[in-house]
C-alpha atoms as a PDB file:
ATOM      1  CA  GLN A   1      16.929  14.837  17.234  1.00  0.00           C
ATOM      2  CA  VAL A   2      19.957  13.926  15.139  1.00  0.00           C
ATOM      3  CA  GLN A   3      20.069  15.002  11.531  1.00  0.00           C
ATOM      4  CA  LEU A   4      22.738  14.403   8.915  1.00  0.00           C
ATOM      5  CA  VAL A   5      22.572  16.640   5.857  1.00  0.00           C
ATOM      6  CA  GLU A   6      24.754  15.834   2.861  1.00  0.00           C
ATOM      7  CA  SER A   7      25.700  18.261   0.126  1.00  0.00           C
ATOM      8  CA  GLY A   8      28.169  18.568  -2.722  1.00  0.00           C
ATOM      9  CA  GLY A   9      26.965  15.890  -5.096  1.00  0.00           C
ATOM     10  CA  GLY A  10      26.465  16.504  -8.780  1.00  0.00           C
ATOM     11  CA  LEU A  11      27.513  15.663 -12.300  1.00  0.00           C
ATOM     12  CA  VAL A  12      31.198  15.566 -13.174  1.00  0.00           C
ATOM     13  CA  GLN A  13      33.290  14.218 -16.024  1.00  0.00           C
ATOM     14  CA  ALA A  14      35.593  11.267 -15.537  1.00  0.00           C
ATOM     15  CA  GLY A  15      38.866  12.399 -14.019  1.00  0.00           C
ATOM     16  CA  GLY A  16      37.226  15.280 -12.205  1.00  0.00           C
ATOM     17  CA  SER A  17      36.738  15.980  -8.519  1.00  0.00           C
ATOM     18  CA  LEU A  18      33.918  16.582  -6.072  1.00  0.00           C
ATOM     19  CA  ARG A  19      33.838  17.345  -2.374  1.00  0.00           C
ATOM     20  CA  LEU A  20      30.950  16.004  -0.334  1.00  0.00           C
ATOM     21  CA  SER A  21      30.005  17.474   3.022  1.00  0.00           C
ATOM     22  CA  CYS A  22      27.848  16.092   5.796  1.00  0.00           C
ATOM     23  CA  ALA A  23      26.719  18.397   8.572  1.00  0.00           C
ATOM     24  CA  ALA A  24      25.476  16.771  11.771  1.00  0.00           C
ATOM     25  CA  SER A  25      23.057  18.349  14.195  1.00  0.00           C
ATOM     26  CA  GLY A  26      22.651  17.233  17.756  1.00  0.00           C
ATOM     27  CA  SER A  27      25.314  16.029  20.146  1.00  0.00           C
ATOM     28  CA  ILE A  28      26.259  12.788  18.435  1.00  0.00           C
ATOM     29  CA  PHE A  29      29.088  14.010  16.225  1.00  0.00           C
ATOM     30  CA  SER A  30      31.897  14.106  18.766  1.00  0.00           C
ATOM     31  CA  ALA A  31      31.108  10.581  19.970  1.00  0.00           C
ATOM     32  CA  SER A  32      30.665   8.995  16.575  1.00  0.00           C
ATOM     33  CA  ALA A  33      32.681   7.408  13.868  1.00  0.00           C
ATOM     34  CA  MET A  34      31.595   9.080  10.649  1.00  0.00           C
ATOM     35  CA  GLY A  35      31.381   7.249   7.381  1.00  0.00           C
ATOM     36  CA  TRP A  36      30.466   7.587   3.750  1.00  0.00           C
ATOM     37  CA  TYR A  37      28.702   4.769   1.922  1.00  0.00           C
ATOM     38  CA  SER A  38      27.682   4.459  -1.699  1.00  0.00           C
ATOM     39  CA  GLN A  39      24.818   2.649  -3.337  1.00  0.00           C
ATOM     40  CA  ALA A  40      24.608   2.222  -7.079  1.00  0.00           C
ATOM     41  CA  PRO A  41      21.363   1.123  -8.770  1.00  0.00           C
ATOM     42  CA  GLY A  42      20.714  -2.549  -8.191  1.00  0.00           C
ATOM     43  CA  LYS A  43      23.644  -2.929  -5.817  1.00  0.00           C
ATOM     44  CA  GLN A  44      24.062  -3.125  -2.069  1.00  0.00           C
ATOM     45  CA  ARG A  45      25.223  -0.168  -0.038  1.00  0.00           C
ATOM     46  CA  GLU A  46      28.958  -0.373   0.518  1.00  0.00           C
ATOM     47  CA  LEU A  47      31.568   1.377   2.583  1.00  0.00           C
ATOM     48  CA  VAL A  48      33.505   4.154   0.894  1.00  0.00           C
ATOM     49  CA  ALA A  49      35.387   5.611   3.837  1.00  0.00           C
ATOM     50  CA  VAL A  50      35.185   5.941   7.599  1.00  0.00           C
ATOM     51  CA  ILE A  51      36.897   8.162  10.139  1.00  0.00           C
ATOM     52  CA  THR A  52      36.919   7.481  13.866  1.00  0.00           C
ATOM     53  CA  THR A  53      36.641   9.993  16.682  1.00  0.00           C
ATOM     54  CA  SER A  54      40.435   9.905  17.000  1.00  0.00           C
ATOM     55  CA  GLY A  55      40.959  10.532  13.290  1.00  0.00           C
ATOM     56  CA  ASN A  56      41.859   7.044  12.133  1.00  0.00           C
ATOM     57  CA  THR A  57      40.625   6.335   8.624  1.00  0.00           C
ATOM     58  CA  ASP A  58      39.785   3.362   6.468  1.00  0.00           C
ATOM     59  CA  TYR A  59      38.743   3.142   2.827  1.00  0.00           C
ATOM     60  CA  GLY A  60      37.057   0.772   0.456  1.00  0.00           C
ATOM     61  CA  ASP A  61      39.525  -0.870  -1.906  1.00  0.00           C
ATOM     62  CA  SER A  62      38.069   0.807  -4.993  1.00  0.00           C
ATOM     63  CA  VAL A  63      38.680   4.333  -3.696  1.00  0.00           C
ATOM     64  CA  LYS A  64      42.039   4.014  -1.954  1.00  0.00           C
ATOM     65  CA  GLY A  65      44.437   6.658  -3.207  1.00  0.00           C
ATOM     66  CA  ARG A  66      41.649   8.691  -4.825  1.00  0.00           C
ATOM     67  CA  PHE A  67      39.287   9.665  -1.991  1.00  0.00           C
ATOM     68  CA  THR A  68      40.071  11.319   1.326  1.00  0.00           C
ATOM     69  CA  ILE A  69      37.789  11.527   4.343  1.00  0.00           C
ATOM     70  CA  SER A  70      38.221  14.200   6.996  1.00  0.00           C
ATOM     71  CA  ARG A  71      36.253  15.688   9.843  1.00  0.00           C
ATOM     72  CA  ASP A  72      35.993  19.110  11.434  1.00  0.00           C
ATOM     73  CA  ASN A  73      34.808  18.593  14.989  1.00  0.00           C
ATOM     74  CA  ALA A  74      34.334  22.330  15.537  1.00  0.00           C
ATOM     75  CA  LYS A  75      31.846  22.417  12.664  1.00  0.00           C
ATOM     76  CA  ASN A  76      30.285  18.969  13.263  1.00  0.00           C
ATOM     77  CA  THR A  77      31.031  18.216   9.637  1.00  0.00           C
ATOM     78  CA  VAL A  78      32.634  15.332   7.775  1.00  0.00           C
ATOM     79  CA  TYR A  79      33.990  15.663   4.257  1.00  0.00           C
ATOM     80  CA  LEU A  80      34.775  13.332   1.400  1.00  0.00           C
ATOM     81  CA  GLN A  81      37.226  14.652  -1.169  1.00  0.00           C
ATOM     82  CA  MET A  82      36.771  12.632  -4.335  1.00  0.00           C
ATOM     83  CA  ASN A  83      39.493  12.879  -6.969  1.00  0.00           C
ATOM     84  CA  SER A  84      40.141  11.050 -10.235  1.00  0.00           C
ATOM     85  CA  LEU A  85      36.490  10.109 -10.424  1.00  0.00           C
ATOM     86  CA  LYS A  86      35.437   7.196 -12.593  1.00  0.00           C
ATOM     87  CA  PRO A  87      32.051   6.345 -14.131  1.00  0.00           C
ATOM     88  CA  GLU A  88      31.850   3.378 -11.761  1.00  0.00           C
ATOM     89  CA  ASP A  89      31.837   5.833  -8.828  1.00  0.00           C
ATOM     90  CA  THR A  90      28.340   6.875  -9.908  1.00  0.00           C
ATOM     91  CA  ALA A  91      26.010   6.251  -6.960  1.00  0.00           C
ATOM     92  CA  VAL A  92      24.034   7.839  -4.190  1.00  0.00           C
ATOM     93  CA  TYR A  93      26.415   8.661  -1.349  1.00  0.00           C
ATOM     94  CA  TYR A  94      25.146   8.441   2.214  1.00  0.00           C
ATOM     95  CA  CYS A  95      26.627   9.862   5.376  1.00  0.00           C
ATOM     96  CA  ASN A  96      26.554   7.740   8.523  1.00  0.00           C
ATOM     97  CA  ALA A  97      27.167   8.482  12.181  1.00  0.00           C
ATOM     98  CA  TYR A  98      27.767   5.522  14.460  1.00  0.00           C
ATOM     99  CA  ASN A  99      28.504   5.509  18.168  1.00  0.00           C
ATOM    100  CA  GLY A 100      30.283   2.270  18.976  1.00  0.00           C
ATOM    101  CA  ASP A 101      29.602   2.728  22.697  1.00  0.00           C
ATOM    102  CA  ASP A 102      25.845   2.842  22.035  1.00  0.00           C
ATOM    103  CA  PRO A 103      24.881   0.888  18.892  1.00  0.00           C
ATOM    104  CA  SER A 104      21.384   2.360  19.002  1.00  0.00           C
ATOM    105  CA  GLU A 105      22.995   5.616  17.883  1.00  0.00           C
ATOM    106  CA  ASP A 106      23.306   4.793  14.210  1.00  0.00           C
ATOM    107  CA  TYR A 107      22.094   7.524  11.894  1.00  0.00           C
ATOM    108  CA  TRP A 108      21.940   8.071   8.146  1.00  0.00           C
ATOM    109  CA  GLY A 109      21.588  11.086   5.918  1.00  0.00           C
ATOM    110  CA  GLN A 110      19.209  11.302   2.991  1.00  0.00           C
ATOM    111  CA  GLY A 111      21.921  10.776   0.402  1.00  0.00           C
ATOM    112  CA  THR A 112      23.419  12.864  -2.377  1.00  0.00           C
ATOM    113  CA  GLN A 113      23.712  11.781  -6.005  1.00  0.00           C
ATOM    114  CA  VAL A 114      27.111  11.622  -7.663  1.00  0.00           C
ATOM    115  CA  THR A 115      27.148  11.016 -11.390  1.00  0.00           C
ATOM    116  CA  VAL A 116      30.388  10.610 -13.323  1.00  0.00           C
ATOM    117  CA  SER A 117      30.144  10.782 -17.090  1.00  0.00           C
ATOM    118  CA  GLN A 118      32.578   9.356 -19.628  1.00  0.00           C
END
């Protein structure tokens, strides 16, 4: 059974930083692109950042230059370094694992709350 467990969320002032972690159990990690998505109240879930199995990355326009995604394959963990946080970054952040070779392997974590105050 695949599980994704996020951690690192919390309350931070604008301009501050947080580092989110997502630990994956099971054998999916090495075969999966890993992504972070955010969902603010009343809004759709949207892509924050994604990293492929080969280390290629892509970011949502609103976070480019401020957030960095990375993965540690030895630890089955993906990270999201969030710098220069803004109040509009406030959302629940979800970790996703997706195996493009088998679309049925698409898993989500439970989410972690990030709140950025003025």
